[in-house]
Protein backbone atom coordinates (compact mmCIF):
# COMPACT_ATOMS: atom_id res chain seq x y z
CA MET A 1 22.06 -20.58 -6.74
CA ALA A 2 19.79 -17.84 -6.79
CA LEU A 3 19.38 -14.25 -5.87
CA ILE A 4 16.58 -13.94 -3.55
CA VAL A 5 14.91 -10.36 -1.87
CA LYS A 6 13.26 -11.14 1.34
CA LYS A 7 11.56 -8.48 3.32
CA PHE A 8 10.29 -8.38 6.58
CA GLY A 9 7.65 -5.85 7.95
CA GLY A 10 7.83 -4.24 11.17
CA SER A 11 5.23 -7.39 13.25
CA SER A 12 7.83 -9.69 11.74
CA VAL A 13 11.08 -7.74 13.79
CA GLY A 14 8.56 -6.60 16.65
CA ASN A 15 11.35 -7.40 19.23
CA ILE A 16 14.62 -9.39 20.04
CA ASP A 17 13.56 -12.61 20.01
CA LYS A 18 11.52 -11.99 16.49
CA ILE A 19 14.77 -10.50 15.32
CA LYS A 20 17.10 -13.98 16.46
CA ALA A 21 14.03 -15.84 14.54
CA VAL A 22 14.51 -14.29 11.46
CA ALA A 23 17.85 -14.49 11.34
CA LYS A 24 17.67 -17.97 11.95
CA ARG A 25 15.00 -18.50 9.61
CA ILE A 26 17.05 -17.35 6.54
CA LEU A 27 20.01 -19.49 7.36
CA ASP A 28 17.49 -22.15 8.07
CA GLU A 29 16.53 -21.93 4.35
CA LYS A 30 19.78 -20.70 2.91
CA GLN A 31 21.51 -23.02 0.00
CA PRO A 32 24.88 -22.94 -0.02
CA ASP A 33 25.05 -20.33 -3.22
CA ASP A 34 21.94 -18.33 -2.63
CA LYS A 35 22.76 -14.48 -2.42
CA ILE A 36 20.56 -12.96 0.14
CA VAL A 37 19.29 -9.57 0.30
CA VAL A 38 16.98 -8.61 3.44
CA VAL A 39 15.25 -5.34 3.42
CA VAL A 40 13.51 -5.03 7.15
CA SER A 41 10.68 -2.28 8.25
CA ALA A 42 10.93 -0.46 11.93
CA MET A 43 10.53 -2.77 14.79
CA GLY A 44 6.74 -3.03 15.80
CA ASP A 45 4.86 0.36 16.40
CA THR A 46 8.00 2.54 16.17
CA THR A 47 7.15 4.64 13.33
CA ASP A 48 3.71 5.39 15.21
CA ASP A 49 6.15 5.74 18.78
CA LEU A 50 8.02 8.80 16.46
CA ILE A 51 5.44 10.51 15.01
CA GLN A 52 4.05 10.76 18.48
CA LEU A 53 7.11 11.99 19.91
CA ALA A 54 6.89 14.99 16.70
CA LYS A 55 3.04 16.05 17.64
CA GLY A 56 4.62 16.24 21.21
CA ILE A 57 6.28 19.36 19.34
CA THR A 58 3.40 20.00 17.16
CA LYS A 59 0.27 18.99 16.60
CA ASP A 60 1.00 18.77 12.33
CA PRO A 61 4.58 17.83 12.31
CA TYR A 62 3.69 16.78 8.67
CA GLN A 63 4.09 20.58 7.88
CA TYR A 64 8.29 19.77 8.51
CA THR A 65 7.79 17.32 5.74
CA ARG A 66 11.86 17.00 6.04
CA GLU A 67 12.05 17.12 9.17
CA MET A 68 9.83 13.88 9.62
CA ASP A 69 11.32 12.25 6.85
CA MET A 70 14.95 12.89 9.06
CA LEU A 71 12.79 11.44 11.85
CA LEU A 72 11.00 8.14 10.49
CA THR A 73 14.57 6.76 8.64
CA THR A 74 15.86 6.28 12.44
CA GLY A 75 12.96 3.79 12.75
CA GLU A 76 14.64 1.15 10.03
CA GLN A 77 18.10 1.88 11.08
CA VAL A 78 17.72 -0.07 14.50
CA SER A 79 16.11 -2.43 12.55
CA ILE A 80 18.89 -3.38 10.44
CA SER A 81 21.97 -3.12 12.82
CA LEU A 82 19.89 -5.47 14.87
CA LEU A 83 19.20 -7.80 12.15
CA THR A 84 22.80 -7.72 11.14
CA MET A 85 24.40 -8.19 14.71
CA ALA A 86 21.98 -11.31 15.04
CA PHE A 87 23.84 -12.44 11.71
CA LYS A 88 26.89 -11.99 12.68
CA ALA A 89 26.10 -13.90 16.70
CA LEU A 90 25.33 -16.94 14.28
CA GLY A 91 28.63 -16.92 12.44
CA GLN A 92 27.62 -15.76 9.42
CA LYS A 93 28.64 -12.36 7.70
CA ALA A 94 26.62 -9.26 7.21
CA ILE A 95 26.55 -5.83 6.57
CA SER A 96 23.65 -3.29 6.98
CA LEU A 97 23.28 -0.81 4.49
CA THR A 98 20.64 2.62 4.77
CA GLY A 99 18.70 3.17 1.80
CA ALA A 100 21.35 5.65 0.58
CA LEU A 101 23.67 3.51 0.89
CA ALA A 102 22.23 0.70 -0.69
CA GLY A 103 22.01 3.56 -3.92
CA VAL A 104 18.21 4.07 -3.70
CA LYS A 105 17.51 7.24 -5.67
CA THR A 106 14.10 8.65 -5.33
CA ASN A 107 12.50 12.66 -5.83
CA SER A 108 12.18 15.18 -3.27
CA VAL A 109 8.99 14.74 -2.27
CA HIS A 110 9.20 14.52 1.72
CA THR A 111 7.15 11.78 3.14
CA LYS A 112 5.68 10.56 0.01
CA GLY A 113 8.79 9.53 -2.14
CA LYS A 114 9.10 7.74 -5.24
CA ILE A 115 11.88 5.97 -6.23
CA LYS A 116 13.59 7.04 -9.69
CA ASP A 117 16.77 4.87 -9.58
CA ILE A 118 18.57 2.04 -7.91
CA GLN A 119 22.42 1.76 -8.57
CA PRO A 120 22.93 -1.40 -6.27
CA LYS A 121 26.76 -1.47 -7.05
CA ARG A 122 27.51 -1.56 -3.30
CA ILE A 123 24.84 -4.51 -2.72
CA PHE A 124 26.64 -6.43 -5.00
CA GLU A 125 30.11 -5.79 -3.69
CA GLU A 126 29.34 -7.10 -0.15
CA LEU A 127 27.30 -9.98 -1.47
CA ASN A 128 30.43 -11.03 -3.49
CA LYS A 129 32.26 -10.87 -0.28
CA GLY A 130 30.22 -13.38 1.21
CA ASN A 131 27.71 -11.11 3.39
CA ILE A 132 23.75 -11.27 3.53
CA VAL A 133 22.99 -7.76 2.90
CA ILE A 134 20.17 -6.15 5.36
CA VAL A 135 18.58 -2.88 3.77
CA ALA A 136 16.41 -0.23 5.43
CA GLY A 137 12.89 -0.30 4.14
CA PHE A 138 10.84 2.79 3.62
CA GLN A 139 13.33 5.12 2.56
CA GLY A 140 16.28 6.28 0.04
CA CYS A 141 18.27 9.89 -0.96
CA ASP A 142 17.04 12.89 -3.28
CA ASP A 143 19.69 14.29 -5.34
CA LEU A 144 21.00 16.53 -2.37
CA GLY A 145 21.09 13.44 -0.28
CA ASP A 146 18.48 14.14 2.00
CA PRO A 147 16.52 11.15 3.49
CA VAL A 148 13.22 10.84 1.58
CA THR A 149 10.34 7.85 2.92
CA LEU A 150 8.30 6.70 0.42
CA GLY A 151 4.96 6.47 2.38
CA ARG A 152 2.81 4.41 3.83
CA GLY A 153 3.80 0.41 3.01
CA GLY A 154 6.87 1.60 1.20
CA SER A 155 9.25 -1.09 2.36
CA ASP A 156 7.15 -3.29 0.13
CA THR A 157 8.44 -1.07 -2.33
CA SER A 158 11.66 -0.69 -1.39
CA ALA A 159 11.82 -4.77 -1.77
CA VAL A 160 10.25 -5.45 -5.03
CA ALA A 161 12.28 -2.29 -6.48
CA LEU A 162 15.62 -3.87 -5.16
CA ALA A 163 14.64 -7.00 -7.05
CA GLY A 164 14.13 -5.66 -10.26
CA ALA A 165 17.63 -3.47 -10.01
CA MET A 166 19.85 -6.51 -9.28
CA LYS A 167 17.37 -8.85 -11.37
CA ALA A 168 16.79 -11.42 -8.37
CA ASP A 169 14.90 -14.38 -9.21
CA VAL A 170 12.74 -13.48 -6.23
CA CYS A 171 11.02 -11.38 -3.90
CA GLU A 172 9.87 -13.17 -1.06
CA ILE A 173 7.45 -10.37 1.11
CA TYR A 174 7.17 -11.90 4.52
CA THR A 175 4.42 -10.62 7.25
CA ASP A 176 1.62 -11.86 10.20
CA VAL A 177 -0.45 -13.29 7.60
CA ASP A 178 0.05 -16.54 5.56
CA GLY A 179 -0.54 -14.79 1.81
CA VAL A 180 -3.28 -13.02 0.07
CA TYR A 181 -6.83 -13.67 1.15
CA SER A 182 -10.22 -12.87 -0.76
CA ALA A 183 -10.50 -10.38 1.82
CA ASP A 184 -9.16 -9.28 5.62
CA PRO A 185 -9.15 -12.94 7.42
CA ARG A 186 -9.44 -10.82 10.76
CA ILE A 187 -13.04 -9.37 9.39
CA ALA A 188 -14.42 -11.66 6.70
CA LYS A 189 -15.89 -14.96 7.95
CA GLY A 190 -14.38 -17.77 5.67
CA ALA A 191 -12.04 -15.58 3.79
CA ARG A 192 -10.08 -17.58 1.23
CA ARG A 193 -5.90 -18.04 0.72
CA MET A 194 -5.45 -17.47 -3.12
CA LYS A 195 -2.49 -19.64 -4.57
CA GLU A 196 -2.04 -17.04 -6.84
CA ILE A 197 -3.35 -13.80 -8.22
CA THR A 198 -2.02 -11.95 -10.93
CA TYR A 199 -0.39 -8.06 -10.85
CA TYR A 200 -3.38 -6.44 -11.84
CA GLU A 201 -5.95 -7.98 -9.36
CA MET A 202 -3.15 -7.50 -6.79
CA LEU A 203 -2.64 -4.45 -8.04
CA GLU A 204 -6.21 -3.03 -7.67
CA MET A 205 -6.69 -4.92 -4.47
CA ALA A 206 -4.22 -3.14 -3.06
CA ARG A 207 -5.13 0.03 -4.15
CA LEU A 208 -8.63 -0.58 -3.09
CA GLY A 209 -7.64 -0.73 0.72
CA ALA A 210 -5.94 -4.72 0.59
CA GLY A 211 -3.26 -3.77 3.30
CA VAL A 212 -0.90 -7.16 2.60
CA MET A 213 0.65 -5.11 -0.35
CA GLN A 214 1.00 -1.21 -1.59
CA PRO A 215 0.01 -0.64 -4.72
CA ARG A 216 3.77 1.09 -6.09
CA SER A 217 5.08 -2.15 -5.04
CA VAL A 218 2.64 -4.35 -6.80
CA GLU A 219 2.97 -2.22 -10.15
CA THR A 220 7.09 -2.49 -9.39
CA GLY A 221 6.68 -6.02 -9.56
CA ARG A 222 4.56 -6.08 -12.80
CA LEU A 223 7.16 -3.71 -14.79
CA TYR A 224 10.40 -5.50 -14.13
CA ASN A 225 7.93 -9.02 -14.26
CA ILE A 226 9.41 -9.61 -10.63
CA PRO A 227 7.56 -12.99 -8.99
CA ILE A 228 6.67 -11.93 -5.70
CA HIS A 229 5.86 -14.62 -3.19
CA VAL A 230 3.39 -13.39 0.14
CA ARG A 231 4.20 -15.08 3.00
CA SER A 232 3.93 -15.87 6.68
CA THR A 233 6.96 -14.76 9.03
CA PHE A 234 5.64 -17.20 11.81
CA THR A 235 4.94 -20.50 9.73
CA ASN A 236 6.59 -22.57 6.72
CA LYS A 237 2.91 -22.42 4.62
CA PRO A 238 3.39 -22.28 1.38
CA GLY A 239 1.45 -18.27 0.56
CA THR A 240 0.59 -16.76 -2.30
CA ILE A 241 2.53 -15.88 -5.75
CA ILE A 242 1.65 -12.69 -7.72
CA ARG A 243 3.01 -12.90 -11.20
CA GLU A 244 1.90 -12.28 -14.94
CA GLU A 245 -0.37 -15.14 -14.96
CA TYR A 246 -1.74 -18.43 -13.67
CA THR A 247 0.37 -20.84 -13.72
CA MET A 248 -1.91 -24.08 -12.08
CA GLU A 249 -5.45 -24.85 -11.90
CA GLU A 250 -7.76 -23.20 -9.23
CA LYS A 251 -11.20 -22.95 -8.09
CA GLU A 252 -12.88 -20.47 -10.57
CA PHE A 253 -13.98 -17.68 -9.22
CA ILE A 254 -15.42 -14.37 -10.98
CA ILE A 255 -14.57 -12.14 -8.19
CA ARG A 256 -10.66 -12.48 -6.99
CA GLY A 257 -11.42 -10.43 -3.78
CA VAL A 258 -12.98 -8.00 -1.45
CA ALA A 259 -11.33 -5.42 -0.23
CA HIS A 260 -12.08 -1.93 2.04
CA ASP A 261 -10.50 0.74 3.10
CA THR A 262 -11.50 2.99 6.41
CA ASN A 263 -8.36 5.24 5.78
CA VAL A 264 -10.91 7.73 3.72
CA ALA A 265 -12.45 11.13 4.10
CA LYS A 266 -15.09 12.30 1.45
CA PHE A 267 -15.44 16.50 -0.31
CA ALA A 268 -18.35 17.80 -1.40
CA VAL A 269 -18.15 20.89 -2.93
CA LEU A 270 -21.02 22.21 -3.51
CA GLY A 271 -22.87 24.85 -5.95
CA ILE A 272 -19.90 25.52 -8.19
CA PRO A 273 -21.13 26.64 -12.39
CA ASN A 274 -21.13 23.88 -14.39
CA THR A 275 -18.47 25.21 -17.38
CA PRO A 276 -15.47 23.66 -19.10
CA GLY A 277 -12.49 23.70 -16.45
CA ILE A 278 -14.26 23.97 -13.43
CA ALA A 279 -12.65 19.72 -12.39
CA HIS A 280 -9.17 20.81 -13.73
CA ALA A 281 -9.34 23.96 -11.14
CA ILE A 282 -10.03 22.01 -8.51
CA PHE A 283 -8.04 18.75 -9.07
CA SER A 284 -4.97 20.00 -10.55
CA LYS A 285 -4.14 22.21 -7.56
CA LEU A 286 -5.21 18.83 -5.55
CA ALA A 287 -2.40 16.85 -7.69
CA GLU A 288 0.59 19.97 -7.86
CA ASN A 289 0.35 19.08 -3.89
CA ASN A 290 0.51 15.04 -4.47
CA VAL A 291 -3.07 14.35 -2.81
CA ASP A 292 -4.43 11.57 -4.62
CA VAL A 293 -8.03 12.10 -4.89
CA ASP A 294 -10.79 9.07 -5.61
CA MET A 295 -14.20 8.02 -6.45
CA ILE A 296 -14.69 11.44 -8.55
CA VAL A 297 -18.96 11.98 -9.18
CA GLN A 298 -20.49 15.11 -10.81
CA SER A 299 -23.88 15.88 -10.90
CA ILE A 300 -25.86 18.78 -11.76
CA ARG A 301 -27.89 20.27 -8.75
CA ASN A 302 -29.49 23.48 -11.00
CA MET A 303 -30.19 23.26 -14.35
CA GLU A 304 -31.58 26.95 -14.24
CA LYS A 305 -28.63 28.59 -12.44
CA ASN A 306 -26.28 25.47 -14.37
CA VAL A 307 -24.13 24.84 -11.25
CA THR A 308 -22.99 21.64 -10.28
CA ASP A 309 -21.86 19.46 -7.33
CA MET A 310 -18.51 17.93 -7.22
CA VAL A 311 -18.00 15.02 -4.87
CA PHE A 312 -14.82 12.99 -4.47
CA THR A 313 -12.62 10.98 -1.57
CA VAL A 314 -9.17 11.86 -0.45
CA THR A 315 -7.00 9.79 2.05
CA ALA A 316 -7.61 10.60 5.62
CA ASP A 317 -4.14 11.19 5.71
CA ASP A 318 -4.04 14.03 3.11
CA LEU A 319 -7.59 15.87 5.13
CA GLY A 320 -5.77 18.14 6.21
CA GLN A 321 -4.04 19.66 3.34
CA ALA A 322 -6.40 19.01 0.47
CA LYS A 323 -9.09 20.93 2.61
CA GLN A 324 -6.73 23.95 2.62
CA ILE A 325 -6.38 23.37 -0.87
CA VAL A 326 -10.12 22.88 -1.38
CA ASP A 327 -11.42 26.00 0.99
CA LYS A 328 -8.79 28.23 -1.45
CA VAL A 329 -10.37 26.87 -4.38
CA ALA A 330 -13.95 27.26 -3.43
CA ASP A 331 -13.77 30.93 -2.77
CA GLU A 332 -12.10 31.33 -6.04
CA LEU A 333 -15.13 29.57 -7.81
CA ASN A 334 -17.70 31.18 -5.34
CA ALA A 335 -19.50 28.15 -4.26
CA VAL A 336 -22.07 27.28 -2.20
CA ALA A 337 -20.30 24.80 0.46
CA VAL A 338 -17.71 22.77 0.69
CA LEU A 339 -18.67 19.39 2.93
CA ILE A 340 -16.35 16.60 5.13
CA GLU A 341 -17.14 13.48 5.90
CA GLN A 342 -14.94 11.46 8.12
CA ASP A 343 -17.12 8.62 9.37
CA VAL A 344 -17.26 6.95 5.95
CA ALA A 345 -15.11 3.90 4.79
CA LYS A 346 -14.87 2.15 0.74
CA VAL A 347 -15.42 -1.56 0.01
CA SER A 348 -14.51 -3.15 -3.34
CA ILE A 349 -15.06 -6.49 -5.18
CA VAL A 350 -12.00 -7.19 -7.80
CA GLY A 351 -11.60 -9.51 -10.43
CA ALA A 352 -10.82 -9.70 -14.37
CA GLY A 353 -13.59 -12.45 -14.47
CA MET A 354 -16.44 -9.85 -14.27
CA LEU A 355 -15.55 -8.80 -17.92
CA GLY A 356 -18.09 -10.26 -19.92
CA ASN A 357 -20.02 -11.39 -16.85
CA PRO A 358 -23.32 -9.56 -16.48
CA GLY A 359 -24.64 -8.88 -13.31
CA ILE A 360 -21.95 -8.61 -11.01
CA ALA A 361 -22.66 -4.89 -10.08
CA ALA A 362 -26.16 -5.95 -9.46
CA ARG A 363 -25.37 -8.85 -6.82
CA MET A 364 -23.13 -6.48 -5.04
CA PHE A 365 -25.54 -3.83 -4.45
CA LYS A 366 -28.54 -6.58 -3.36
CA ALA A 367 -25.73 -7.92 -1.02
CA LEU A 368 -25.22 -4.27 1.01
CA SER A 369 -29.36 -3.53 0.46
CA ASP A 370 -30.15 -7.33 1.78
CA ALA A 371 -27.94 -5.82 5.03
CA ASN A 372 -29.30 -2.51 4.78
CA ILE A 373 -26.77 -0.79 4.40
CA ASN A 374 -26.54 2.32 1.65
CA ILE A 375 -24.33 2.86 -0.81
CA ASP A 376 -23.19 6.88 -1.17
CA VAL A 377 -20.89 6.88 -3.95
CA ILE A 378 -19.95 4.33 -6.69
CA SER A 379 -17.03 4.05 -8.64
CA THR A 380 -15.97 1.32 -11.50
CA SER A 381 -12.91 0.49 -13.12
CA GLU A 382 -12.52 -2.71 -15.60
CA ILE A 383 -11.83 -5.27 -13.08
CA SER A 384 -13.40 -3.84 -10.08
CA ILE A 385 -16.53 -2.04 -8.05
CA SER A 386 -16.48 0.36 -5.41
CA CYS A 387 -18.72 1.90 -2.69
CA LEU A 388 -18.72 4.13 -0.24
CA ILE A 389 -20.72 3.51 2.89
CA LYS A 390 -20.82 4.93 6.80
CA ALA A 391 -17.61 3.72 8.34
CA ASP A 392 -19.45 2.00 11.09
CA LYS A 393 -20.97 -0.81 8.53
CA ILE A 394 -17.70 -1.59 7.36
CA LYS A 395 -17.24 -5.34 8.75
CA GLU A 396 -20.92 -5.90 8.01
CA ALA A 397 -20.71 -4.77 4.26
CA VAL A 398 -17.49 -7.15 3.45
CA ASN A 399 -18.71 -9.90 5.08
CA ALA A 400 -22.69 -9.46 3.23
CA ILE A 401 -20.26 -9.21 -0.19
CA HIS A 402 -17.97 -11.86 0.89
CA ASP A 403 -21.45 -14.28 1.57
CA GLU A 404 -22.16 -13.26 -2.10
CA PHE A 405 -19.40 -14.23 -4.21
CA PHE A 406 -17.43 -17.00 -1.96
CA LYS A 407 -20.11 -18.60 0.37
CA ASP A 408 -19.92 -22.51 -0.99
């Protein structure tokens, strides 16, 4: 007997035929004593369609964050009800639960919620009745009972967190690709599927733009030590296992992957005083408003006047909110100007193997140089190097770097 959490994304349940196919696949693979929890996203482009409806009311619907959550959580409710009906039509007992009914408790940060606690009592009760339990991903509720969504890719986090809270044997993430690749296979020629990858490497890949997993879901898997199996909905091929450490021998690559992110905007706050507390004045205000910041660079602009420039990136989704905050702080600091660039993208390499291997950064920079791609900003961590470049060069950059580290 195994307790298994399976998550299916929007492309996997994009229409009625796909929903029926998901139900049949789960039943075909199910062993007699298995207990199955299925977490699903909204069908296809439903979430985007709901956002467009809201934009028909106002150009900036996200100023009404609670109401956006009230709207967006309906997408998953359609999926769970239809999938439950599909199981019942096949003779399998099943029940659908919203995130709130499944016991997912969040903070009150609407549209960017974080899970505080999961109380899966109702899920266990339904499993013990012989039901397959279908849970709405991407959502929970706060202490008031209001719906709260978990941000981009939140269904992955829902699934892994449920698996951790229930002490499941494995969490399977079904998607439209058959595993984690060394780069986006839609962009990089010769991208390789990995058999295994560590939590830390996958966390860095996800943080830097690899869309196959959400960073918080990987971190949750690491926290609970739940193996995560990334698989394709449309084939029976083995996928990629994300776990604490490798258990099988694979061909060694110093770099495990090349990630890219086009959902980026760059800020440059020019001519601010080069005195203690300036960085805090800017970034504390952004943090208070739940705006994530990346790739921070500070440089001395004028030694005589003792002023500096501060450059950093945010997600393009946060651009409007970040601009309001940064403009206000810049005025208070008497900054010379605030410049914003949206035609930028981030390309990164990730791999624990770069520790103790000098020259990795030089090889990355040479690959970009040979492709005639200019680097605007550079940032590093122990297992990654990221470069900010022009957005229209991202495909060339990914291929150039991938060829440097992975070409036979």
